[in-house]
Amino acid sequence: MGKTVKIFKNVDELSHFFAQKMADDIQQITPGNYYSIALSGGSTPRKVFEYMALNFKDRMDWQKVKVFWSDERCVDPGSEESNYRMAKESLLDWVPIPAENIFRIHGESDPSSEAERYSETIRQHVPAHNSIPQFDLMMLGLGDDGHTVSIFPGSLHLFTSNKLCEIALNPYTNQKRITVTGRIVNQARTLIFLVTGEAKAEMVATIIEKKQGWEMLPASMVNPTEGELKWLIDEPAANKLDNAF
């Protein structure tokens, strides 16, 4: 379905667009089925979560939502580094999602065993399309180095892995993480990059406009098989784009 780029004046406008799309999509879910979303960590998703908790608590059918994570640091769920903790404190504690619909990555567990366990959890709870689990929506962040989920430059093989989840290594801190692979990412119905701030402007322009070196960046490998890819960015993050969108 191709790629679209939408530029917003500020993070509130971006957050509203994201939340409204999610609410509209959930309305299309047939009785007895669920809307599956894979959350992302990071400062921009936190702002989006806070906006949703404040403005969409009663404007979305949260009972139909099943929540997963695209990646997690190998830390305890109470750690300040935990993507689960961030989402819990900024969103999940404030909206009526049933506890049984929340499927966190156990960052405190043995990484190898957890990658296998979470792969099986996804298989059990996310309907498959062409024998691969298909999330309704996957949030994606963009690192200053071009990484997304927890696939960093130099680990592009994780995008072509046959597994659903793998152990990833942050090359700057040597911290282990659990990440979904490209097999899951590119299978999603909708993929949405959420990017804000001038610090991300160079990377946004490199990937979207395929500038020098773009093909070596993990985020450039996000190319949905059949679904749609949306870039939601604020004006500071868009200020190095050469083309108008």
Protein backbone atom coordinates (compact mmCIF):
# COMPACT_ATOMS: atom_id res chain seq x y z
CA MET A 1 0.00 0.00 0.00
CA GLY A 2 3.05 2.24 -0.10
CA LYS A 3 4.56 4.87 2.15
CA THR A 4 3.06 8.14 3.34
CA VAL A 5 4.75 10.97 5.22
CA LYS A 6 2.75 13.35 7.40
CA ILE A 7 4.30 16.39 9.06
CA PHE A 8 2.78 17.96 12.19
CA LYS A 9 3.38 21.27 13.93
CA ASN A 10 3.88 19.62 17.31
CA VAL A 11 3.78 16.33 19.16
CA ASP A 12 0.18 16.85 20.33
CA GLU A 13 -1.09 17.03 16.76
CA LEU A 14 0.98 13.97 15.89
CA SER A 15 -0.36 12.11 18.93
CA HIS A 16 -3.95 12.98 18.09
CA PHE A 17 -3.58 11.67 14.55
CA PHE A 18 -2.06 8.41 15.81
CA ALA A 19 -4.68 7.91 18.50
CA GLN A 20 -7.58 8.70 16.18
CA LYS A 21 -6.33 6.24 13.58
CA MET A 22 -6.05 3.56 16.23
CA ALA A 23 -9.56 4.33 17.53
CA ASP A 24 -11.00 4.22 14.00
CA ASP A 25 -9.27 0.93 13.25
CA ILE A 26 -10.56 -0.65 16.45
CA GLN A 27 -14.11 0.24 15.43
CA GLN A 28 -13.67 -2.02 12.40
CA ILE A 29 -12.82 -5.06 14.52
CA THR A 30 -15.57 -7.66 14.30
CA PRO A 31 -17.16 -9.03 17.51
CA GLY A 32 -15.05 -11.66 19.23
CA ASN A 33 -11.80 -10.45 17.69
CA TYR A 34 -9.05 -8.21 19.00
CA TYR A 35 -6.83 -5.38 17.81
CA SER A 36 -3.16 -6.24 18.27
CA ILE A 37 -0.58 -3.51 18.76
CA ALA A 38 3.17 -3.72 19.35
CA LEU A 39 4.41 -0.79 21.39
CA SER A 40 7.76 0.96 21.12
CA GLY A 41 9.99 2.52 23.74
CA GLY A 42 11.47 5.98 23.54
CA SER A 43 10.74 9.60 24.37
CA THR A 44 8.29 10.23 21.51
CA PRO A 45 6.13 7.17 22.25
CA ARG A 46 6.02 8.25 25.89
CA LYS A 47 4.54 11.60 24.83
CA VAL A 48 2.05 9.83 22.57
CA PHE A 49 1.05 7.48 25.40
CA GLU A 50 0.54 10.38 27.80
CA TYR A 51 -1.63 12.17 25.26
CA MET A 52 -3.74 9.06 24.70
CA ALA A 53 -4.18 8.46 28.43
CA LEU A 54 -5.38 12.03 28.89
CA ASN A 55 -7.54 12.39 25.78
CA PHE A 56 -8.60 8.92 24.58
CA LYS A 57 -9.40 7.01 27.75
CA ASP A 58 -13.11 7.13 26.91
CA ARG A 59 -12.78 7.45 23.12
CA MET A 60 -11.38 4.04 22.33
CA ASP A 61 -12.68 0.50 22.92
CA TRP A 62 -9.71 -0.59 25.01
CA GLN A 63 -11.38 -3.92 25.81
CA LYS A 64 -10.63 -5.03 22.25
CA VAL A 65 -6.92 -4.19 22.41
CA LYS A 66 -4.13 -6.72 22.92
CA VAL A 67 -0.81 -5.11 23.79
CA PHE A 68 2.63 -6.42 22.94
CA TRP A 69 6.11 -4.92 22.66
CA SER A 70 8.43 -4.83 19.68
CA ASP A 71 11.53 -4.89 21.87
CA GLU A 72 12.70 -4.76 25.45
CA ARG A 73 15.93 -4.33 27.34
CA CYS A 74 17.03 -7.31 29.40
CA VAL A 75 16.17 -5.64 32.68
CA ASP A 76 13.67 -6.10 35.49
CA PRO A 77 10.18 -4.71 34.72
CA GLY A 78 10.64 -2.20 37.53
CA SER A 79 13.80 -0.78 35.98
CA GLU A 80 13.75 2.80 34.70
CA GLU A 81 15.12 1.36 31.43
CA SER A 82 12.14 -0.96 30.94
CA ASN A 83 9.93 -0.24 27.93
CA TYR A 84 7.16 -2.08 29.75
CA ARG A 85 7.43 0.17 32.80
CA MET A 86 7.34 3.29 30.63
CA ALA A 87 4.19 2.17 28.82
CA LYS A 88 2.56 1.04 32.06
CA GLU A 89 3.15 4.34 33.86
CA SER A 90 2.29 6.60 30.93
CA LEU A 91 -0.66 4.68 29.39
CA LEU A 92 -1.64 1.24 30.61
CA ASP A 93 -2.34 2.28 34.22
CA TRP A 94 -4.74 4.96 32.96
CA VAL A 95 -6.92 3.15 30.42
CA PRO A 96 -9.26 0.15 30.84
CA ILE A 97 -7.22 -2.55 29.09
CA PRO A 98 -7.84 -5.93 30.75
CA ALA A 99 -4.70 -7.23 32.46
CA GLU A 100 -4.98 -10.49 30.52
CA ASN A 101 -4.64 -8.53 27.27
CA ILE A 102 -1.18 -7.22 28.15
CA PHE A 103 1.74 -9.39 27.04
CA ARG A 104 5.07 -8.02 28.19
CA ILE A 105 8.52 -9.27 27.29
CA HIS A 106 10.17 -10.76 30.39
CA GLY A 107 13.39 -8.78 30.30
CA GLU A 108 14.46 -10.29 33.60
CA SER A 109 14.47 -13.84 32.20
CA ASP A 110 17.21 -15.72 30.36
CA PRO A 111 17.39 -13.92 26.99
CA SER A 112 17.53 -17.01 24.82
CA SER A 113 14.62 -18.70 26.56
CA GLU A 114 12.62 -15.47 26.56
CA ALA A 115 13.08 -14.91 22.83
CA GLU A 116 11.56 -18.35 22.27
CA ARG A 117 8.79 -17.87 24.83
CA TYR A 118 7.75 -14.50 23.45
CA SER A 119 7.77 -15.85 19.90
CA GLU A 120 5.33 -18.52 21.03
CA THR A 121 3.20 -15.93 22.86
CA ILE A 122 2.91 -13.92 19.66
CA ARG A 123 1.99 -17.06 17.69
CA GLN A 124 -0.75 -17.90 20.17
CA HIS A 125 -2.36 -14.47 20.39
CA VAL A 126 -1.75 -12.71 17.06
CA PRO A 127 -3.63 -14.10 14.04
CA ALA A 128 -1.40 -15.30 11.24
CA HIS A 129 -1.41 -14.22 7.62
CA ASN A 130 0.55 -16.43 5.23
CA SER A 131 1.66 -18.43 8.28
CA ILE A 132 3.26 -15.38 9.97
CA PRO A 133 1.64 -13.50 12.87
CA GLN A 134 0.29 -10.16 11.67
CA PHE A 135 -0.01 -7.23 14.05
CA ASP A 136 -2.73 -4.74 13.28
CA LEU A 137 -0.40 -1.91 14.24
CA MET A 138 3.28 -1.67 15.07
CA MET A 139 4.78 1.50 16.49
CA LEU A 140 8.35 2.19 15.41
CA GLY A 141 10.92 4.58 16.76
CA LEU A 142 14.01 5.86 14.97
CA GLY A 143 17.38 6.05 16.65
CA ASP A 144 19.97 8.71 15.87
CA ASP A 145 22.00 5.90 14.28
CA GLY A 146 19.13 4.65 12.13
CA HIS A 147 18.16 1.71 14.32
CA THR A 148 14.57 0.67 14.84
CA VAL A 149 13.06 -1.86 17.23
CA SER A 150 16.34 -3.19 18.69
CA ILE A 151 18.01 -3.88 15.37
CA PHE A 152 21.13 -1.72 15.20
CA PRO A 153 23.52 -0.97 12.32
CA GLY A 154 25.77 -3.97 11.88
CA SER A 155 22.98 -6.39 12.81
CA LEU A 156 20.95 -6.26 9.62
CA HIS A 157 20.79 -10.08 9.63
CA LEU A 158 18.07 -9.72 12.29
CA PHE A 159 15.83 -8.24 9.62
CA THR A 160 16.09 -11.37 7.50
CA SER A 161 15.99 -13.91 10.34
CA ASN A 162 13.48 -16.75 10.04
CA LYS A 163 12.69 -16.40 13.75
CA LEU A 164 10.03 -14.11 15.19
CA CYS A 165 12.15 -12.83 18.08
CA GLU A 166 15.89 -12.72 18.59
CA ILE A 167 18.48 -11.55 21.09
CA ALA A 168 19.93 -8.20 20.07
CA LEU A 169 22.96 -6.35 21.41
CA ASN A 170 23.20 -2.61 21.86
CA PRO A 171 26.64 -1.97 20.31
CA TYR A 172 27.22 1.13 22.43
CA THR A 173 26.49 -0.35 25.86
CA ASN A 174 26.73 -4.13 25.15
CA GLN A 175 23.33 -4.46 26.81
CA LYS A 176 21.28 -7.40 25.62
CA ARG A 177 17.76 -6.89 24.36
CA ILE A 178 14.91 -8.98 23.00
CA THR A 179 13.61 -7.77 19.64
CA VAL A 180 11.14 -8.81 17.03
CA THR A 181 12.73 -9.50 13.66
CA GLY A 182 12.04 -8.07 10.25
CA ARG A 183 9.84 -11.07 9.58
CA ILE A 184 7.32 -9.71 12.08
CA VAL A 185 7.89 -6.03 11.34
CA ASN A 186 7.23 -6.19 7.62
CA GLN A 187 4.22 -8.45 8.11
CA ALA A 188 2.20 -5.83 10.04
CA ARG A 189 -0.99 -4.35 8.61
CA THR A 190 0.15 -0.86 9.57
CA LEU A 191 3.63 0.34 10.51
CA ILE A 192 3.99 3.82 11.95
CA PHE A 193 7.27 5.61 12.57
CA LEU A 194 6.88 8.26 15.29
CA VAL A 195 9.74 10.76 15.10
CA THR A 196 10.11 14.17 16.72
CA GLY A 197 12.88 16.66 17.29
CA GLU A 198 15.59 18.34 15.25
CA ALA A 199 18.16 15.77 16.38
CA LYS A 200 16.43 13.20 14.17
CA ALA A 201 16.16 15.44 11.09
CA GLU A 202 19.30 14.21 9.32
CA MET A 203 18.38 10.55 9.78
CA VAL A 204 14.77 11.15 8.70
CA ALA A 205 15.94 12.78 5.47
CA THR A 206 18.55 10.07 4.81
CA ILE A 207 16.04 7.24 5.06
CA ILE A 208 12.95 8.80 3.51
CA GLU A 209 14.83 10.35 0.59
CA LYS A 210 17.33 7.48 0.26
CA LYS A 211 20.43 9.58 0.64
CA GLN A 212 23.99 8.23 0.78
CA GLY A 213 24.31 5.22 3.07
CA TRP A 214 20.58 4.76 3.57
CA GLU A 215 20.62 1.11 2.57
CA MET A 216 22.84 0.17 5.52
CA LEU A 217 20.42 1.55 8.11
CA PRO A 218 18.00 -0.87 9.79
CA ALA A 219 15.07 1.56 9.54
CA SER A 220 15.48 1.57 5.76
CA MET A 221 14.59 -2.13 5.75
CA VAL A 222 11.08 -1.45 6.99
CA ASN A 223 9.13 -2.30 3.88
CA PRO A 224 5.77 -3.92 4.58
CA THR A 225 4.89 -6.97 2.52
CA GLU A 226 1.27 -5.96 2.04
CA GLY A 227 0.52 -3.37 4.70
CA GLU A 228 0.93 0.40 4.93
CA LEU A 229 3.89 2.40 6.18
CA LYS A 230 3.34 5.83 7.70
CA TRP A 231 5.92 8.34 8.88
CA LEU A 232 4.47 10.74 11.45
CA ILE A 233 7.03 13.47 12.12
CA ASP A 234 7.00 16.93 13.60
CA GLU A 235 8.33 20.02 11.84
CA PRO A 236 11.76 20.02 13.54
CA ALA A 237 12.33 16.39 12.49
CA ALA A 238 11.27 17.26 8.93
CA ASN A 239 13.42 20.34 8.39
CA LYS A 240 16.10 18.58 6.33
CA LEU A 241 13.73 16.95 3.85
CA ASP A 242 14.29 18.28 0.34
CA ASN A 243 10.85 17.38 -0.95
CA ALA A 244 7.49 18.65 0.23
CA PHE A 245 5.00 16.16 1.68
